[in-house]
């Protein structure tokens, strides 16, 4: 029972930390263009260097 006094606050802090990282990534534009890299991968580019 004593472990719950440690695990519950630790899980709440971890939840807020994950939420803050997700919010930061959304605000910084990480999820703006999800299909662009997939389309660039499929484009045929036969140029030689």
PDB file of N, CA and C in Angstrom:
ATOM      1  N   UNK A   1       0.812  -1.192   0.000  1.00  0.00           N
ATOM      2  CA  UNK A   1       0.000   0.000   0.000  1.00  0.00           C
ATOM      3  C   UNK A   1       0.863   1.266   0.000  1.00  0.00           C
ATOM      4  N   UNK A   2       2.013   1.204   0.625  1.00  0.00           N
ATOM      5  CA  UNK A   2       2.886   2.382   0.681  1.00  0.00           C
ATOM      6  C   UNK A   2       3.430   2.758  -0.694  1.00  0.00           C
ATOM      7  N   UNK A   3       3.560   1.776  -1.574  1.00  0.00           N
ATOM      8  CA  UNK A   3       4.109   2.061  -2.899  1.00  0.00           C
ATOM      9  C   UNK A   3       3.166   2.944  -3.702  1.00  0.00           C
ATOM     10  N   UNK A   4       1.873   2.912  -3.409  1.00  0.00           N
ATOM     11  CA  UNK A   4       0.906   3.752  -4.115  1.00  0.00           C
ATOM     12  C   UNK A   4       1.160   5.233  -3.869  1.00  0.00           C
ATOM     13  N   UNK A   5       1.685   5.566  -2.687  1.00  0.00           N
ATOM     14  CA  UNK A   5       2.007   6.963  -2.383  1.00  0.00           C
ATOM     15  C   UNK A   5       3.164   7.461  -3.236  1.00  0.00           C
ATOM     16  N   UNK A   6       3.927   6.576  -3.806  1.00  0.00           N
ATOM     17  CA  UNK A   6       5.002   6.938  -4.716  1.00  0.00           C
ATOM     18  C   UNK A   6       4.546   6.843  -6.177  1.00  0.00           C
ATOM     19  N   UNK A   7       3.839   5.797  -6.516  1.00  0.00           N
ATOM     20  CA  UNK A   7       3.496   5.546  -7.915  1.00  0.00           C
ATOM     21  C   UNK A   7       2.433   6.492  -8.461  1.00  0.00           C
ATOM     22  N   UNK A   8       1.460   6.855  -7.670  1.00  0.00           N
ATOM     23  CA  UNK A   8       0.394   7.736  -8.170  1.00  0.00           C
ATOM     24  C   UNK A   8       0.933   9.130  -8.490  1.00  0.00           C
ATOM     25  N   UNK A   9       1.661   9.792  -7.591  1.00  0.00           N
ATOM     26  CA  UNK A   9       2.230  11.098  -7.980  1.00  0.00           C
ATOM     27  C   UNK A   9       3.238  10.992  -9.119  1.00  0.00           C
ATOM     28  N   UNK A  10       4.000   9.932  -9.163  1.00  0.00           N
ATOM     29  CA  UNK A  10       4.961   9.746 -10.241  1.00  0.00           C
ATOM     30  C   UNK A  10       4.249   9.595 -11.580  1.00  0.00           C
ATOM     31  N   UNK A  11       3.139   8.888 -11.611  1.00  0.00           N
ATOM     32  CA  UNK A  11       2.400   8.732 -12.867  1.00  0.00           C
ATOM     33  C   UNK A  11       1.739  10.040 -13.291  1.00  0.00           C
ATOM     34  N   UNK A  12       1.295  10.853 -12.342  1.00  0.00           N
ATOM     35  CA  UNK A  12       0.694  12.145 -12.676  1.00  0.00           C
ATOM     36  C   UNK A  12       1.759  13.075 -13.256  1.00  0.00           C
ATOM     37  N   UNK A  13       2.943  13.093 -12.655  1.00  0.00           N
ATOM     38  CA  UNK A  13       4.041  13.918 -13.172  1.00  0.00           C
ATOM     39  C   UNK A  13       4.445  13.448 -14.562  1.00  0.00           C
ATOM     40  N   UNK A  14       4.518  12.154 -14.784  1.00  0.00           N
ATOM     41  CA  UNK A  14       4.868  11.611 -16.091  1.00  0.00           C
ATOM     42  C   UNK A  14       3.807  11.966 -17.132  1.00  0.00           C
ATOM     43  N   UNK A  15       2.540  11.940 -16.746  1.00  0.00           N
ATOM     44  CA  UNK A  15       1.460  12.305 -17.660  1.00  0.00           C
ATOM     45  C   UNK A  15       1.582  13.769 -18.086  1.00  0.00           C
ATOM     46  N   UNK A  16       1.862  14.659 -17.144  1.00  0.00           N
ATOM     47  CA  UNK A  16       2.035  16.067 -17.475  1.00  0.00           C
ATOM     48  C   UNK A  16       3.272  16.294 -18.328  1.00  0.00           C
ATOM     49  N   UNK A  17       4.325  15.555 -18.086  1.00  0.00           N
ATOM     50  CA  UNK A  17       5.536  15.674 -18.889  1.00  0.00           C
ATOM     51  C   UNK A  17       5.291  15.236 -20.329  1.00  0.00           C
ATOM     52  N   UNK A  18       4.608  14.132 -20.517  1.00  0.00           N
ATOM     53  CA  UNK A  18       4.284  13.657 -21.861  1.00  0.00           C
ATOM     54  C   UNK A  18       3.351  14.639 -22.556  1.00  0.00           C
ATOM     55  N   UNK A  19       2.378  15.181 -21.834  1.00  0.00           N
ATOM     56  CA  UNK A  19       1.480  16.173 -22.407  1.00  0.00           C
ATOM     57  C   UNK A  19       2.218  17.434 -22.825  1.00  0.00           C
ATOM     58  N   UNK A  20       3.192  17.881 -22.024  1.00  0.00           N
ATOM     59  CA  UNK A  20       3.961  19.077 -22.352  1.00  0.00           C
ATOM     60  C   UNK A  20       4.825  18.850 -23.586  1.00  0.00           C
ATOM     61  N   UNK A  21       5.427  17.686 -23.711  1.00  0.00           N
ATOM     62  CA  UNK A  21       6.250  17.380 -24.889  1.00  0.00           C
ATOM     63  C   UNK A  21       5.376  17.298 -26.132  1.00  0.00           C
ATOM     64  N   UNK A  22       4.200  16.708 -26.019  1.00  0.00           N
ATOM     65  CA  UNK A  22       3.283  16.640 -27.156  1.00  0.00           C
ATOM     66  C   UNK A  22       2.818  18.030 -27.560  1.00  0.00           C
ATOM     67  N   UNK A  23       2.463  18.878 -26.587  1.00  0.00           N
ATOM     68  CA  UNK A  23       2.024  20.236 -26.879  1.00  0.00           C
ATOM     69  C   UNK A  23       3.137  21.024 -27.563  1.00  0.00           C
ATOM     70  N   UNK A  24       4.359  20.870 -27.079  1.00  0.00           N
ATOM     71  CA  UNK A  24       5.493  21.568 -27.698  1.00  0.00           C
ATOM     72  C   UNK A  24       5.683  21.115 -29.143  1.00  0.00           C
ATOM     73  N   UNK A  25       5.562  19.819 -29.411  1.00  0.00           N
ATOM     74  CA  UNK A  25       5.766  19.331 -30.769  1.00  0.00           C
ATOM     75  C   UNK A  25       4.663  19.811 -31.711  1.00  0.00           C
ATOM     76  N   UNK A  26       3.446  19.913 -31.220  1.00  0.00           N
ATOM     77  CA  UNK A  26       2.360  20.432 -32.055  1.00  0.00           C
ATOM     78  C   UNK A  26       2.586  21.916 -32.340  1.00  0.00           C
ATOM     79  N   UNK A  27       2.991  22.683 -31.339  1.00  0.00           N
ATOM     80  CA  UNK A  27       3.202  24.114 -31.512  1.00  0.00           C
ATOM     81  C   UNK A  27       4.407  24.427 -32.392  1.00  0.00           C
ATOM     82  N   UNK A  28       5.398  23.549 -32.417  1.00  0.00           N
ATOM     83  CA  UNK A  28       6.592  23.815 -33.218  1.00  0.00           C
ATOM     84  C   UNK A  28       6.461  23.321 -34.652  1.00  0.00           C
ATOM     85  N   UNK A  29       5.322  22.715 -35.015  1.00  0.00           N
ATOM     86  CA  UNK A  29       5.070  22.348 -36.398  1.00  0.00           C
ATOM     87  C   UNK A  29       5.537  20.957 -36.794  1.00  0.00           C
ATOM     88  N   UNK A  30       5.698  20.071 -35.849  1.00  0.00           N
ATOM     89  CA  UNK A  30       6.152  18.727 -36.168  1.00  0.00           C
ATOM     90  C   UNK A  30       5.110  17.932 -36.960  1.00  0.00           C
ATOM     91  N   UNK A  31       3.829  18.268 -36.827  1.00  0.00           N
ATOM     92  CA  UNK A  31       2.764  17.503 -37.466  1.00  0.00           C
ATOM     93  C   UNK A  31       2.098  18.279 -38.588  1.00  0.00           C
ATOM     94  N   UNK A  32       2.761  19.275 -39.150  1.00  0.00           N
ATOM     95  CA  UNK A  32       2.152  20.096 -40.193  1.00  0.00           C
ATOM     96  C   UNK A  32       1.986  19.347 -41.506  1.00  0.00           C
ATOM     97  N   UNK A  33       3.004  18.652 -41.968  1.00  0.00           N
ATOM     98  CA  UNK A  33       2.957  17.972 -43.266  1.00  0.00           C
ATOM     99  C   UNK A  33       3.298  16.501 -43.070  1.00  0.00           C
ATOM    100  N   UNK A  34       2.268  15.682 -42.930  1.00  0.00           N
ATOM    101  CA  UNK A  34       2.495  14.262 -42.686  1.00  0.00           C
ATOM    102  C   UNK A  34       2.654  13.457 -43.973  1.00  0.00           C
ATOM    103  N   UNK A  35       2.128  13.950 -45.101  1.00  0.00           N
ATOM    104  CA  UNK A  35       2.174  13.184 -46.335  1.00  0.00           C
ATOM    105  C   UNK A  35       3.299  13.607 -47.260  1.00  0.00           C
ATOM    106  N   UNK A  36       3.900  14.746 -47.046  1.00  0.00           N
ATOM    107  CA  UNK A  36       4.955  15.253 -47.916  1.00  0.00           C
ATOM    108  C   UNK A  36       6.163  14.339 -48.030  1.00  0.00           C
ATOM    109  N   UNK A  37       6.730  13.868 -46.902  1.00  0.00           N
ATOM    110  CA  UNK A  37       7.884  12.972 -47.008  1.00  0.00           C
ATOM    111  C   UNK A  37       7.569  11.661 -47.739  1.00  0.00           C
ATOM    112  N   UNK A  38       6.349  11.156 -47.597  1.00  0.00           N
ATOM    113  CA  UNK A  38       5.977   9.918 -48.296  1.00  0.00           C
ATOM    114  C   UNK A  38       5.906  10.146 -49.801  1.00  0.00           C
ATOM    115  N   UNK A  39       5.401  11.294 -50.222  1.00  0.00           N
ATOM    116  CA  UNK A  39       5.319  11.589 -51.653  1.00  0.00           C
ATOM    117  C   UNK A  39       6.705  11.853 -52.243  1.00  0.00           C
ATOM    118  N   UNK A  40       7.578  12.508 -51.488  1.00  0.00           N
ATOM    119  CA  UNK A  40       8.936  12.744 -51.987  1.00  0.00           C
ATOM    120  C   UNK A  40       9.711  11.444 -52.139  1.00  0.00           C
ATOM    121  N   UNK A  41       9.429  10.467 -51.300  1.00  0.00           N
ATOM    122  CA  UNK A  41      10.096   9.180 -51.388  1.00  0.00           C
ATOM    123  C   UNK A  41       9.706   8.444 -52.662  1.00  0.00           C
ATOM    124  N   UNK A  42       8.460   8.608 -53.105  1.00  0.00           N
ATOM    125  CA  UNK A  42       7.967   7.884 -54.266  1.00  0.00           C
ATOM    126  C   UNK A  42       8.274   8.582 -55.594  1.00  0.00           C
ATOM    127  N   UNK A  43       8.719   9.808 -55.552  1.00  0.00           N
ATOM    128  CA  UNK A  43       9.020  10.506 -56.798  1.00  0.00           C
ATOM    129  C   UNK A  43      10.235   9.866 -57.465  1.00  0.00           C
ATOM    130  N   UNK A  44      10.140   9.706 -58.765  1.00  0.00           N
ATOM    131  CA  UNK A  44      11.219   9.070 -59.524  1.00  0.00           C
ATOM    132  C   UNK A  44      12.300  10.110 -59.815  1.00  0.00           C
ATOM    133  N   UNK A  45      13.489   9.836 -59.364  1.00  0.00           N
ATOM    134  CA  UNK A  45      14.598  10.768 -59.575  1.00  0.00           C
ATOM    135  C   UNK A  45      15.782   9.961 -60.102  1.00  0.00           C
ATOM    136  N   UNK A  46      15.925   9.940 -61.452  1.00  0.00           N
ATOM    137  CA  UNK A  46      16.977   9.139 -62.073  1.00  0.00           C
ATOM    138  C   UNK A  46      18.233   9.930 -62.389  1.00  0.00           C
ATOM    139  N   UNK A  47      18.360  11.115 -61.857  1.00  0.00           N
ATOM    140  CA  UNK A  47      19.547  11.909 -62.117  1.00  0.00           C
ATOM    141  C   UNK A  47      20.766  11.279 -61.461  1.00  0.00           C
ATOM    142  N   UNK A  48      21.881  11.340 -62.150  1.00  0.00           N
ATOM    143  CA  UNK A  48      23.134  10.853 -61.575  1.00  0.00           C
ATOM    144  C   UNK A  48      23.983  12.043 -61.185  1.00  0.00           C
ATOM    145  N   UNK A  49      24.728  11.876 -60.148  1.00  0.00           N
ATOM    146  CA  UNK A  49      25.546  12.994 -59.649  1.00  0.00           C
ATOM    147  C   UNK A  49      26.822  13.153 -60.394  1.00  0.00           C
TER     148      UNK A  49
END
